[in-house]
Amino acid sequence: DEVFRDGVNWGRIVGLFAFGGALCVECVEKEMSPLVGRIIEWMTVYLDNHIQPWIQSQRGWERFAEIFGQDAAAESRRSQESFKKWLLAGMTLVTGVVVGSLIAQKRL
C-alpha cells in the first residue's frame, strides 16, 4: 500500500510489476523457486482488490497500451539521441571557443 499511498498511476503499477519480477528472479537465484508462485498469487490478489478499480476507471489496459504502446520507447530513444547530438555539438563549440581564447591570450 505504501507505493500507492499518494494515489495510483500507470508508473506505479509498472513499478509494482518490476518489483514483483525482480523479487521472483531473486527467489530463483537464491534457490527459493517455490516462493515464485506465492509472489504471483500475492500480486494478483493485490491487483484485483486494490488496483483493478482504478485501471477500469482509466479505460483498462487498452488505455495503457494507447499511452505507452505505439513505439513510445523508440520515440523516447530518438529524442534522447537527438538531445545527445545537440549536447555534443554545444560542448564542441564551447571547447573550441575556450581553446581559441587560450591560444589568443598566449599570443598577446
N, C-alpha and C. Protein backbone atom coordinates (compact mmCIF):
# COMPACT_ATOMS: atom_id res chain seq x y z
N ASP A 1 0.81 -1.20 0.00
CA ASP A 1 0.00 0.00 0.00
C ASP A 1 0.85 1.27 0.00
N GLU A 2 2.07 1.19 0.50
CA GLU A 2 2.94 2.37 0.60
C GLU A 2 3.20 3.00 -0.77
N VAL A 3 3.40 2.17 -1.78
CA VAL A 3 3.68 2.69 -3.13
C VAL A 3 2.51 3.51 -3.65
N PHE A 4 1.30 3.11 -3.30
CA PHE A 4 0.10 3.76 -3.81
C PHE A 4 -0.53 4.71 -2.79
N ARG A 5 0.20 5.06 -1.76
CA ARG A 5 -0.34 5.92 -0.70
C ARG A 5 -0.82 7.26 -1.26
N ASP A 6 -0.06 7.84 -2.19
CA ASP A 6 -0.43 9.13 -2.77
C ASP A 6 -1.29 8.99 -4.02
N GLY A 7 -1.77 7.80 -4.29
CA GLY A 7 -2.63 7.58 -5.44
C GLY A 7 -2.03 6.58 -6.41
N VAL A 8 -2.88 6.12 -7.29
CA VAL A 8 -2.49 5.13 -8.28
C VAL A 8 -2.21 5.85 -9.59
N ASN A 9 -1.17 5.42 -10.29
CA ASN A 9 -0.93 5.86 -11.67
C ASN A 9 -0.22 4.73 -12.40
N TRP A 10 -0.13 4.87 -13.71
CA TRP A 10 0.45 3.79 -14.51
C TRP A 10 1.90 3.52 -14.13
N GLY A 11 2.66 4.56 -13.84
CA GLY A 11 4.06 4.37 -13.47
C GLY A 11 4.21 3.53 -12.21
N ARG A 12 3.35 3.76 -11.25
CA ARG A 12 3.41 2.99 -10.00
C ARG A 12 2.99 1.54 -10.23
N ILE A 13 2.05 1.34 -11.13
CA ILE A 13 1.64 -0.03 -11.46
C ILE A 13 2.79 -0.76 -12.13
N VAL A 14 3.45 -0.10 -13.07
CA VAL A 14 4.62 -0.71 -13.72
C VAL A 14 5.69 -1.00 -12.68
N GLY A 15 5.88 -0.07 -11.74
CA GLY A 15 6.85 -0.29 -10.67
C GLY A 15 6.52 -1.52 -9.84
N LEU A 16 5.23 -1.74 -9.58
CA LEU A 16 4.81 -2.92 -8.83
C LEU A 16 5.17 -4.20 -9.60
N PHE A 17 4.92 -4.20 -10.91
CA PHE A 17 5.29 -5.36 -11.72
C PHE A 17 6.80 -5.56 -11.76
N ALA A 18 7.55 -4.47 -11.87
CA ALA A 18 9.02 -4.57 -11.88
C ALA A 18 9.52 -5.14 -10.56
N PHE A 19 8.96 -4.65 -9.46
CA PHE A 19 9.35 -5.15 -8.14
C PHE A 19 9.03 -6.64 -8.01
N GLY A 20 7.82 -7.02 -8.40
CA GLY A 20 7.43 -8.43 -8.32
C GLY A 20 8.32 -9.31 -9.18
N GLY A 21 8.65 -8.84 -10.38
CA GLY A 21 9.54 -9.60 -11.26
C GLY A 21 10.93 -9.74 -10.67
N ALA A 22 11.46 -8.64 -10.12
CA ALA A 22 12.79 -8.69 -9.51
C ALA A 22 12.79 -9.63 -8.30
N LEU A 23 11.72 -9.61 -7.54
CA LEU A 23 11.61 -10.49 -6.38
C LEU A 23 11.59 -11.96 -6.82
N CYS A 24 10.88 -12.25 -7.90
CA CYS A 24 10.84 -13.62 -8.43
C CYS A 24 12.22 -14.07 -8.90
N VAL A 25 12.92 -13.19 -9.61
CA VAL A 25 14.27 -13.52 -10.08
C VAL A 25 15.18 -13.80 -8.89
N GLU A 26 15.11 -12.95 -7.87
CA GLU A 26 15.91 -13.14 -6.66
C GLU A 26 15.61 -14.49 -6.01
N CYS A 27 14.34 -14.86 -5.95
CA CYS A 27 13.97 -16.15 -5.36
C CYS A 27 14.58 -17.31 -6.14
N VAL A 28 14.53 -17.23 -7.46
CA VAL A 28 15.10 -18.30 -8.29
C VAL A 28 16.61 -18.36 -8.09
N GLU A 29 17.27 -17.20 -8.08
CA GLU A 29 18.73 -17.18 -7.91
C GLU A 29 19.15 -17.70 -6.54
N LYS A 30 18.32 -17.52 -5.54
CA LYS A 30 18.64 -17.98 -4.17
C LYS A 30 18.06 -19.37 -3.90
N GLU A 31 17.67 -20.07 -4.98
CA GLU A 31 17.13 -21.42 -4.90
C GLU A 31 15.89 -21.50 -4.00
N MET A 32 15.03 -20.49 -4.14
CA MET A 32 13.76 -20.47 -3.41
C MET A 32 12.60 -20.39 -4.41
N SER A 33 12.72 -21.13 -5.50
CA SER A 33 11.72 -21.10 -6.57
C SER A 33 10.28 -21.32 -6.12
N PRO A 34 10.03 -22.15 -5.11
CA PRO A 34 8.63 -22.33 -4.69
C PRO A 34 7.95 -21.03 -4.26
N LEU A 35 8.71 -20.02 -3.88
CA LEU A 35 8.11 -18.75 -3.48
C LEU A 35 7.56 -17.95 -4.66
N VAL A 36 8.03 -18.26 -5.87
CA VAL A 36 7.59 -17.51 -7.05
C VAL A 36 6.07 -17.59 -7.20
N GLY A 37 5.51 -18.76 -7.05
CA GLY A 37 4.06 -18.92 -7.15
C GLY A 37 3.32 -18.10 -6.11
N ARG A 38 3.87 -18.03 -4.92
CA ARG A 38 3.24 -17.24 -3.85
C ARG A 38 3.31 -15.75 -4.16
N ILE A 39 4.43 -15.31 -4.74
CA ILE A 39 4.56 -13.89 -5.11
C ILE A 39 3.54 -13.55 -6.19
N ILE A 40 3.40 -14.43 -7.18
CA ILE A 40 2.42 -14.21 -8.25
C ILE A 40 1.02 -14.15 -7.67
N GLU A 41 0.72 -15.05 -6.76
CA GLU A 41 -0.61 -15.06 -6.13
C GLU A 41 -0.84 -13.77 -5.34
N TRP A 42 0.14 -13.36 -4.56
CA TRP A 42 0.03 -12.13 -3.77
C TRP A 42 -0.21 -10.92 -4.67
N MET A 43 0.57 -10.83 -5.77
CA MET A 43 0.40 -9.69 -6.68
C MET A 43 -0.97 -9.71 -7.34
N THR A 44 -1.44 -10.89 -7.73
CA THR A 44 -2.75 -11.00 -8.38
C THR A 44 -3.86 -10.56 -7.43
N VAL A 45 -3.81 -11.02 -6.20
CA VAL A 45 -4.82 -10.64 -5.21
C VAL A 45 -4.77 -9.13 -4.97
N TYR A 46 -3.57 -8.59 -4.82
CA TYR A 46 -3.44 -7.15 -4.56
C TYR A 46 -3.99 -6.33 -5.74
N LEU A 47 -3.61 -6.74 -6.96
CA LEU A 47 -4.11 -6.03 -8.14
C LEU A 47 -5.62 -6.11 -8.23
N ASP A 48 -6.18 -7.30 -8.04
CA ASP A 48 -7.63 -7.46 -8.12
C ASP A 48 -8.37 -6.64 -7.07
N ASN A 49 -7.86 -6.63 -5.85
CA ASN A 49 -8.56 -5.98 -4.75
C ASN A 49 -8.32 -4.48 -4.64
N HIS A 50 -7.15 -4.01 -5.06
CA HIS A 50 -6.80 -2.61 -4.81
C HIS A 50 -6.59 -1.77 -6.08
N ILE A 51 -6.09 -2.37 -7.13
CA ILE A 51 -5.69 -1.60 -8.30
C ILE A 51 -6.68 -1.70 -9.45
N GLN A 52 -7.34 -2.84 -9.58
CA GLN A 52 -8.25 -3.07 -10.70
C GLN A 52 -9.33 -1.99 -10.85
N PRO A 53 -9.94 -1.51 -9.77
CA PRO A 53 -10.95 -0.45 -9.96
C PRO A 53 -10.36 0.80 -10.63
N TRP A 54 -9.15 1.17 -10.26
CA TRP A 54 -8.51 2.33 -10.89
C TRP A 54 -8.23 2.06 -12.36
N ILE A 55 -7.73 0.86 -12.66
CA ILE A 55 -7.44 0.50 -14.05
C ILE A 55 -8.71 0.60 -14.89
N GLN A 56 -9.81 0.08 -14.38
CA GLN A 56 -11.08 0.14 -15.11
C GLN A 56 -11.55 1.58 -15.29
N SER A 57 -11.33 2.42 -14.29
CA SER A 57 -11.74 3.83 -14.40
C SER A 57 -10.92 4.58 -15.45
N GLN A 58 -9.76 4.03 -15.80
CA GLN A 58 -8.90 4.65 -16.81
C GLN A 58 -9.10 4.03 -18.20
N ARG A 59 -10.15 3.26 -18.38
CA ARG A 59 -10.48 2.54 -19.62
C ARG A 59 -9.63 1.30 -19.81
N GLY A 60 -9.13 0.73 -18.73
CA GLY A 60 -8.46 -0.56 -18.77
C GLY A 60 -7.07 -0.54 -19.37
N TRP A 61 -6.57 -1.75 -19.62
CA TRP A 61 -5.22 -1.90 -20.16
C TRP A 61 -5.11 -1.35 -21.58
N GLU A 62 -6.24 -1.22 -22.26
CA GLU A 62 -6.21 -0.63 -23.60
C GLU A 62 -5.67 0.80 -23.54
N ARG A 63 -6.06 1.52 -22.50
CA ARG A 63 -5.58 2.89 -22.32
C ARG A 63 -4.07 2.90 -22.06
N PHE A 64 -3.60 1.95 -21.27
CA PHE A 64 -2.16 1.83 -21.02
C PHE A 64 -1.43 1.63 -22.35
N ALA A 65 -1.98 0.74 -23.19
CA ALA A 65 -1.36 0.48 -24.49
C ALA A 65 -1.39 1.72 -25.38
N GLU A 66 -2.46 2.50 -25.31
CA GLU A 66 -2.54 3.74 -26.09
C GLU A 66 -1.45 4.73 -25.67
N ILE A 67 -1.27 4.85 -24.37
CA ILE A 67 -0.32 5.83 -23.85
C ILE A 67 1.12 5.39 -24.07
N PHE A 68 1.42 4.15 -23.72
CA PHE A 68 2.81 3.70 -23.69
C PHE A 68 3.17 2.77 -24.83
N GLY A 69 2.20 2.31 -25.57
CA GLY A 69 2.49 1.44 -26.71
C GLY A 69 2.91 2.29 -27.89
N GLN A 70 2.64 1.84 -29.05
CA GLN A 70 2.85 2.62 -30.26
C GLN A 70 4.26 3.20 -30.33
N ASP A 71 5.24 2.38 -30.03
CA ASP A 71 6.65 2.77 -30.13
C ASP A 71 7.03 3.92 -29.23
N ALA A 72 6.42 4.01 -28.06
CA ALA A 72 6.78 5.08 -27.12
C ALA A 72 8.24 4.96 -26.73
N ALA A 73 8.73 3.73 -26.54
CA ALA A 73 10.14 3.55 -26.16
C ALA A 73 11.06 3.98 -27.29
N ALA A 74 10.70 3.64 -28.53
CA ALA A 74 11.53 4.04 -29.67
C ALA A 74 11.55 5.55 -29.82
N GLU A 75 10.41 6.19 -29.62
CA GLU A 75 10.34 7.65 -29.70
C GLU A 75 11.19 8.30 -28.62
N SER A 76 11.16 7.74 -27.44
CA SER A 76 11.98 8.25 -26.34
C SER A 76 13.46 8.12 -26.66
N ARG A 77 13.86 6.98 -27.23
CA ARG A 77 15.26 6.80 -27.61
C ARG A 77 15.68 7.81 -28.66
N ARG A 78 14.80 8.04 -29.64
CA ARG A 78 15.14 9.00 -30.70
C ARG A 78 15.33 10.40 -30.13
N SER A 79 14.46 10.80 -29.20
CA SER A 79 14.61 12.15 -28.65
C SER A 79 15.85 12.23 -27.77
N GLN A 80 16.20 11.15 -27.07
CA GLN A 80 17.44 11.15 -26.28
C GLN A 80 18.66 11.24 -27.19
N GLU A 81 18.63 10.51 -28.31
CA GLU A 81 19.75 10.57 -29.25
C GLU A 81 19.89 11.97 -29.83
N SER A 82 18.78 12.60 -30.15
CA SER A 82 18.81 13.96 -30.67
C SER A 82 19.40 14.92 -29.63
N PHE A 83 18.97 14.78 -28.37
CA PHE A 83 19.49 15.61 -27.30
C PHE A 83 20.99 15.42 -27.15
N LYS A 84 21.45 14.17 -27.21
CA LYS A 84 22.88 13.88 -27.08
C LYS A 84 23.67 14.52 -28.22
N LYS A 85 23.13 14.49 -29.43
CA LYS A 85 23.82 15.11 -30.57
C LYS A 85 23.95 16.61 -30.37
N TRP A 86 22.87 17.26 -29.93
CA TRP A 86 22.91 18.70 -29.70
C TRP A 86 23.85 19.04 -28.54
N LEU A 87 23.85 18.22 -27.52
CA LEU A 87 24.75 18.44 -26.39
C LEU A 87 26.20 18.31 -26.83
N LEU A 88 26.50 17.31 -27.63
CA LEU A 88 27.86 17.13 -28.15
C LEU A 88 28.27 18.31 -29.01
N ALA A 89 27.36 18.76 -29.87
CA ALA A 89 27.68 19.92 -30.72
C ALA A 89 27.93 21.16 -29.86
N GLY A 90 27.11 21.37 -28.84
CA GLY A 90 27.29 22.52 -27.95
C GLY A 90 28.60 22.44 -27.18
N MET A 91 28.94 21.27 -26.67
CA MET A 91 30.19 21.10 -25.93
C MET A 91 31.40 21.29 -26.84
N THR A 92 31.29 20.83 -28.08
CA THR A 92 32.38 21.02 -29.04
C THR A 92 32.57 22.50 -29.32
N LEU A 93 31.48 23.22 -29.49
CA LEU A 93 31.56 24.66 -29.74
C LEU A 93 32.19 25.39 -28.55
N VAL A 94 31.74 25.07 -27.34
CA VAL A 94 32.29 25.71 -26.14
C VAL A 94 33.78 25.39 -26.01
N THR A 95 34.15 24.14 -26.24
CA THR A 95 35.56 23.76 -26.16
C THR A 95 36.39 24.53 -27.18
N GLY A 96 35.86 24.66 -28.39
CA GLY A 96 36.57 25.42 -29.42
C GLY A 96 36.76 26.88 -29.03
N VAL A 97 35.74 27.48 -28.45
CA VAL A 97 35.84 28.89 -28.03
C VAL A 97 36.86 29.03 -26.91
N VAL A 98 36.84 28.12 -25.93
CA VAL A 98 37.79 28.18 -24.81
C VAL A 98 39.22 28.00 -25.31
N VAL A 99 39.44 26.99 -26.13
CA VAL A 99 40.79 26.75 -26.67
C VAL A 99 41.24 27.93 -27.50
N GLY A 100 40.35 28.47 -28.32
CA GLY A 100 40.69 29.64 -29.14
C GLY A 100 41.06 30.83 -28.30
N SER A 101 40.33 31.07 -27.23
CA SER A 101 40.65 32.23 -26.38
C SER A 101 41.96 32.00 -25.62
N LEU A 102 42.25 30.77 -25.22
CA LEU A 102 43.53 30.49 -24.56
C LEU A 102 44.70 30.71 -25.52
N ILE A 103 44.55 30.28 -26.74
CA ILE A 103 45.60 30.49 -27.75
C ILE A 103 45.77 31.98 -28.01
N ALA A 104 44.68 32.70 -28.12
CA ALA A 104 44.74 34.15 -28.37
C ALA A 104 45.43 34.86 -27.21
N GLN A 105 45.19 34.45 -25.97
CA GLN A 105 45.82 35.09 -24.81
C GLN A 105 47.31 34.83 -24.78
N LYS A 106 47.76 33.65 -25.19
CA LYS A 106 49.19 33.33 -25.19
C LYS A 106 49.92 34.15 -26.24
N ARG A 107 49.27 34.49 -27.31
CA ARG A 107 49.91 35.26 -28.38
C ARG A 107 50.03 36.72 -28.01
N LEU A 108 49.21 37.18 -27.09
CA LEU A 108 49.26 38.60 -26.70
C LEU A 108 50.37 38.82 -25.80
